Amino acid sequence: MSVGAWEPEQPTTAKAEIDREQLQRFISAVESGKSLHDALAAEDRSASQLIRLPVQHWLDESEAWQESEIWQLIRFFTLAEAQLPGWDAGAESAVIPLAKALRRRQQPLNKEQLLWIRQNSDNRYLPYGPL
């Protein structure tokens, strides 16, 4: 009898594709004022892996968006954690690098935006991540 060693699968290091059309649908869903469950198609509701993409993915992606669009994405991901099953992300939330992207542009979240995030989320890491 022989005993082998079990090797866990290594996570892929390939860059995940971010579909900008899908992100635009996320923005439209937030702007509609409806619950995200009602405003999104099933395909978009099941894309929860996006909220947990690595920080650098979101920092790179944010370069293609205007500040107002980044704010709408922050709103979407904040609401998605609260309203959609499987979207909880804690300290891995896309909100954190998106808020960082705004700070890098010298456009940090203002007091009203910070209060909105606090009122719509119970994720203690939003918007700036763990200390």
C-alpha atoms as a PDB file:
ATOM      1  CA  MET A   1       0.000   0.000   0.000  1.00  0.00           C
ATOM      2  CA  SER A   2       1.287   3.447  -0.870  1.00  0.00           C
ATOM      3  CA  VAL A   3       0.334   6.801   0.462  1.00  0.00           C
ATOM      4  CA  GLY A   4       0.274   9.780  -1.882  1.00  0.00           C
ATOM      5  CA  ALA A   5       0.392  13.421  -1.062  1.00  0.00           C
ATOM      6  CA  TRP A   6      -2.652  15.543  -1.718  1.00  0.00           C
ATOM      7  CA  GLU A   7      -1.943  18.863  -3.374  1.00  0.00           C
ATOM      8  CA  PRO A   8      -4.727  21.472  -3.230  1.00  0.00           C
ATOM      9  CA  GLU A   9      -5.633  23.209  -6.460  1.00  0.00           C
ATOM     10  CA  GLN A  10      -3.830  26.491  -6.896  1.00  0.00           C
ATOM     11  CA  PRO A  11      -5.998  29.494  -7.687  1.00  0.00           C
ATOM     12  CA  THR A  12      -5.644  30.702 -11.227  1.00  0.00           C
ATOM     13  CA  THR A  13      -3.562  33.803 -11.605  1.00  0.00           C
ATOM     14  CA  ALA A  14      -5.066  34.755 -14.952  1.00  0.00           C
ATOM     15  CA  LYS A  15      -6.764  38.119 -14.927  1.00  0.00           C
ATOM     16  CA  ALA A  16     -10.520  37.789 -14.734  1.00  0.00           C
ATOM     17  CA  GLU A  17     -12.439  39.527 -17.459  1.00  0.00           C
ATOM     18  CA  ILE A  18     -14.618  42.389 -16.358  1.00  0.00           C
ATOM     19  CA  ASP A  19     -17.527  42.938 -18.709  1.00  0.00           C
ATOM     20  CA  ARG A  20     -18.052  46.689 -18.969  1.00  0.00           C
ATOM     21  CA  GLU A  21     -21.509  46.205 -20.438  1.00  0.00           C
ATOM     22  CA  GLN A  22     -22.445  44.219 -17.352  1.00  0.00           C
ATOM     23  CA  LEU A  23     -21.066  46.959 -15.106  1.00  0.00           C
ATOM     24  CA  GLN A  24     -23.171  49.448 -17.057  1.00  0.00           C
ATOM     25  CA  ARG A  25     -26.225  47.263 -16.364  1.00  0.00           C
ATOM     26  CA  PHE A  26     -25.299  47.336 -12.668  1.00  0.00           C
ATOM     27  CA  ILE A  27     -25.212  51.153 -12.791  1.00  0.00           C
ATOM     28  CA  SER A  28     -28.584  51.231 -14.552  1.00  0.00           C
ATOM     29  CA  ALA A  29     -30.043  48.911 -11.917  1.00  0.00           C
ATOM     30  CA  VAL A  30     -28.948  51.247  -9.120  1.00  0.00           C
ATOM     31  CA  GLU A  31     -30.238  54.303 -10.936  1.00  0.00           C
ATOM     32  CA  SER A  32     -33.630  52.647 -11.524  1.00  0.00           C
ATOM     33  CA  GLY A  33     -34.476  52.861  -7.819  1.00  0.00           C
ATOM     34  CA  LYS A  34     -35.826  49.282  -7.848  1.00  0.00           C
ATOM     35  CA  SER A  35     -34.482  46.500  -5.681  1.00  0.00           C
ATOM     36  CA  LEU A  36     -31.512  44.856  -7.366  1.00  0.00           C
ATOM     37  CA  HIS A  37     -33.349  41.548  -7.444  1.00  0.00           C
ATOM     38  CA  ASP A  38     -36.082  43.135  -9.561  1.00  0.00           C
ATOM     39  CA  ALA A  39     -33.792  45.329 -11.663  1.00  0.00           C
ATOM     40  CA  LEU A  40     -31.271  42.672 -12.736  1.00  0.00           C
ATOM     41  CA  ALA A  41     -31.543  39.636 -14.974  1.00  0.00           C
ATOM     42  CA  ALA A  42     -30.704  36.263 -13.408  1.00  0.00           C
ATOM     43  CA  GLU A  43     -27.343  36.196 -15.201  1.00  0.00           C
ATOM     44  CA  ASP A  44     -26.310  39.476 -13.593  1.00  0.00           C
ATOM     45  CA  ARG A  45     -27.615  38.443 -10.156  1.00  0.00           C
ATOM     46  CA  SER A  46     -25.399  35.338 -10.309  1.00  0.00           C
ATOM     47  CA  ALA A  47     -22.174  37.253 -11.075  1.00  0.00           C
ATOM     48  CA  SER A  48     -21.227  37.507  -7.401  1.00  0.00           C
ATOM     49  CA  GLN A  49     -17.583  36.608  -8.102  1.00  0.00           C
ATOM     50  CA  LEU A  50     -17.085  40.180  -9.350  1.00  0.00           C
ATOM     51  CA  ILE A  51     -17.461  41.697  -5.904  1.00  0.00           C
ATOM     52  CA  ARG A  52     -14.455  39.683  -4.667  1.00  0.00           C
ATOM     53  CA  LEU A  53     -11.990  40.342  -7.493  1.00  0.00           C
ATOM     54  CA  PRO A  54      -8.527  41.371  -6.315  1.00  0.00           C
ATOM     55  CA  VAL A  55      -7.900  45.031  -5.548  1.00  0.00           C
ATOM     56  CA  GLN A  56      -5.652  45.576  -8.565  1.00  0.00           C
ATOM     57  CA  HIS A  57      -8.374  44.394 -10.957  1.00  0.00           C
ATOM     58  CA  TRP A  58     -10.686  47.131  -9.692  1.00  0.00           C
ATOM     59  CA  LEU A  59      -7.975  49.791  -9.603  1.00  0.00           C
ATOM     60  CA  ASP A  60      -7.130  49.011 -13.228  1.00  0.00           C
ATOM     61  CA  GLU A  61     -10.789  48.890 -14.267  1.00  0.00           C
ATOM     62  CA  SER A  62     -11.625  52.167 -12.527  1.00  0.00           C
ATOM     63  CA  GLU A  63      -9.306  54.030 -14.896  1.00  0.00           C
ATOM     64  CA  ALA A  64     -11.917  53.547 -17.658  1.00  0.00           C
ATOM     65  CA  TRP A  65     -14.742  55.121 -15.635  1.00  0.00           C
ATOM     66  CA  GLN A  66     -15.675  58.654 -14.629  1.00  0.00           C
ATOM     67  CA  GLU A  67     -15.951  59.556 -10.947  1.00  0.00           C
ATOM     68  CA  SER A  68     -19.761  59.593 -11.084  1.00  0.00           C
ATOM     69  CA  GLU A  69     -19.782  56.089 -12.590  1.00  0.00           C
ATOM     70  CA  ILE A  70     -17.380  54.813  -9.926  1.00  0.00           C
ATOM     71  CA  TRP A  71     -19.746  56.183  -7.281  1.00  0.00           C
ATOM     72  CA  GLN A  72     -22.651  54.330  -8.925  1.00  0.00           C
ATOM     73  CA  LEU A  73     -20.596  51.105  -8.899  1.00  0.00           C
ATOM     74  CA  ILE A  74     -19.846  51.686  -5.206  1.00  0.00           C
ATOM     75  CA  ARG A  75     -23.578  52.075  -4.631  1.00  0.00           C
ATOM     76  CA  PHE A  76     -24.300  48.905  -6.608  1.00  0.00           C
ATOM     77  CA  PHE A  77     -21.805  46.728  -4.734  1.00  0.00           C
ATOM     78  CA  THR A  78     -22.935  48.165  -1.384  1.00  0.00           C
ATOM     79  CA  LEU A  79     -26.562  47.286  -2.172  1.00  0.00           C
ATOM     80  CA  ALA A  80     -25.661  43.937  -3.754  1.00  0.00           C
ATOM     81  CA  GLU A  81     -24.080  42.760  -0.499  1.00  0.00           C
ATOM     82  CA  ALA A  82     -27.262  43.627   1.365  1.00  0.00           C
ATOM     83  CA  GLN A  83     -29.872  42.515  -1.188  1.00  0.00           C
ATOM     84  CA  LEU A  84     -28.498  39.619  -3.239  1.00  0.00           C
ATOM     85  CA  PRO A  85     -27.694  36.153  -1.878  1.00  0.00           C
ATOM     86  CA  GLY A  86     -24.042  35.138  -2.210  1.00  0.00           C
ATOM     87  CA  TRP A  87     -22.760  38.678  -2.709  1.00  0.00           C
ATOM     88  CA  ASP A  88     -21.369  39.155   0.812  1.00  0.00           C
ATOM     89  CA  ALA A  89     -17.684  40.031   0.574  1.00  0.00           C
ATOM     90  CA  GLY A  90     -16.547  41.578   3.851  1.00  0.00           C
ATOM     91  CA  ALA A  91     -13.007  42.936   3.523  1.00  0.00           C
ATOM     92  CA  GLU A  92     -12.791  41.693  -0.093  1.00  0.00           C
ATOM     93  CA  SER A  93     -15.596  43.972  -1.328  1.00  0.00           C
ATOM     94  CA  ALA A  94     -15.108  45.846  -4.609  1.00  0.00           C
ATOM     95  CA  VAL A  95     -16.275  48.967  -2.774  1.00  0.00           C
ATOM     96  CA  ILE A  96     -12.888  49.236  -1.058  1.00  0.00           C
ATOM     97  CA  PRO A  97     -10.664  49.516  -4.171  1.00  0.00           C
ATOM     98  CA  LEU A  98     -13.261  51.672  -5.932  1.00  0.00           C
ATOM     99  CA  ALA A  99     -13.227  54.132  -3.006  1.00  0.00           C
ATOM    100  CA  LYS A 100      -9.426  54.030  -3.152  1.00  0.00           C
ATOM    101  CA  ALA A 101      -9.561  54.856  -6.874  1.00  0.00           C
ATOM    102  CA  LEU A 102     -11.586  57.980  -6.075  1.00  0.00           C
ATOM    103  CA  ARG A 103      -9.073  59.026  -3.398  1.00  0.00           C
ATOM    104  CA  ARG A 104      -6.242  58.593  -5.930  1.00  0.00           C
ATOM    105  CA  ARG A 105      -8.096  61.017  -8.222  1.00  0.00           C
ATOM    106  CA  GLN A 106      -8.336  63.554  -5.400  1.00  0.00           C
ATOM    107  CA  GLN A 107     -12.120  62.944  -5.329  1.00  0.00           C
ATOM    108  CA  PRO A 108     -12.633  61.086  -2.028  1.00  0.00           C
ATOM    109  CA  LEU A 109     -16.103  60.127  -0.891  1.00  0.00           C
ATOM    110  CA  ASN A 110     -17.849  63.055   0.753  1.00  0.00           C
ATOM    111  CA  LYS A 111     -19.735  62.975   4.052  1.00  0.00           C
ATOM    112  CA  GLU A 112     -23.114  62.404   2.361  1.00  0.00           C
ATOM    113  CA  GLN A 113     -21.744  59.426   0.403  1.00  0.00           C
ATOM    114  CA  LEU A 114     -20.125  57.939   3.500  1.00  0.00           C
ATOM    115  CA  LEU A 115     -23.406  58.234   5.388  1.00  0.00           C
ATOM    116  CA  TRP A 116     -25.266  56.593   2.494  1.00  0.00           C
ATOM    117  CA  ILE A 117     -22.875  53.611   2.601  1.00  0.00           C
ATOM    118  CA  ARG A 118     -23.304  53.281   6.391  1.00  0.00           C
ATOM    119  CA  GLN A 119     -27.096  53.424   6.088  1.00  0.00           C
ATOM    120  CA  ASN A 120     -27.220  50.794   3.340  1.00  0.00           C
ATOM    121  CA  SER A 121     -24.645  48.292   4.550  1.00  0.00           C
ATOM    122  CA  ASP A 122     -23.758  46.328   7.626  1.00  0.00           C
ATOM    123  CA  ASN A 123     -20.294  45.511   6.250  1.00  0.00           C
ATOM    124  CA  ARG A 124     -17.979  47.088   8.809  1.00  0.00           C
ATOM    125  CA  TYR A 125     -15.114  47.208   6.284  1.00  0.00           C
ATOM    126  CA  LEU A 126     -16.795  49.654   3.912  1.00  0.00           C
ATOM    127  CA  PRO A 127     -15.643  51.879   2.405  1.00  0.00           C
ATOM    128  CA  TYR A 128     -11.944  51.819   3.352  1.00  0.00           C
ATOM    129  CA  GLY A 129     -11.239  48.206   4.286  1.00  0.00           C
ATOM    130  CA  PRO A 130      -9.685  46.699   7.401  1.00  0.00           C
ATOM    131  CA  LEU A 131      -7.343  48.827   9.492  1.00  0.00           C
END
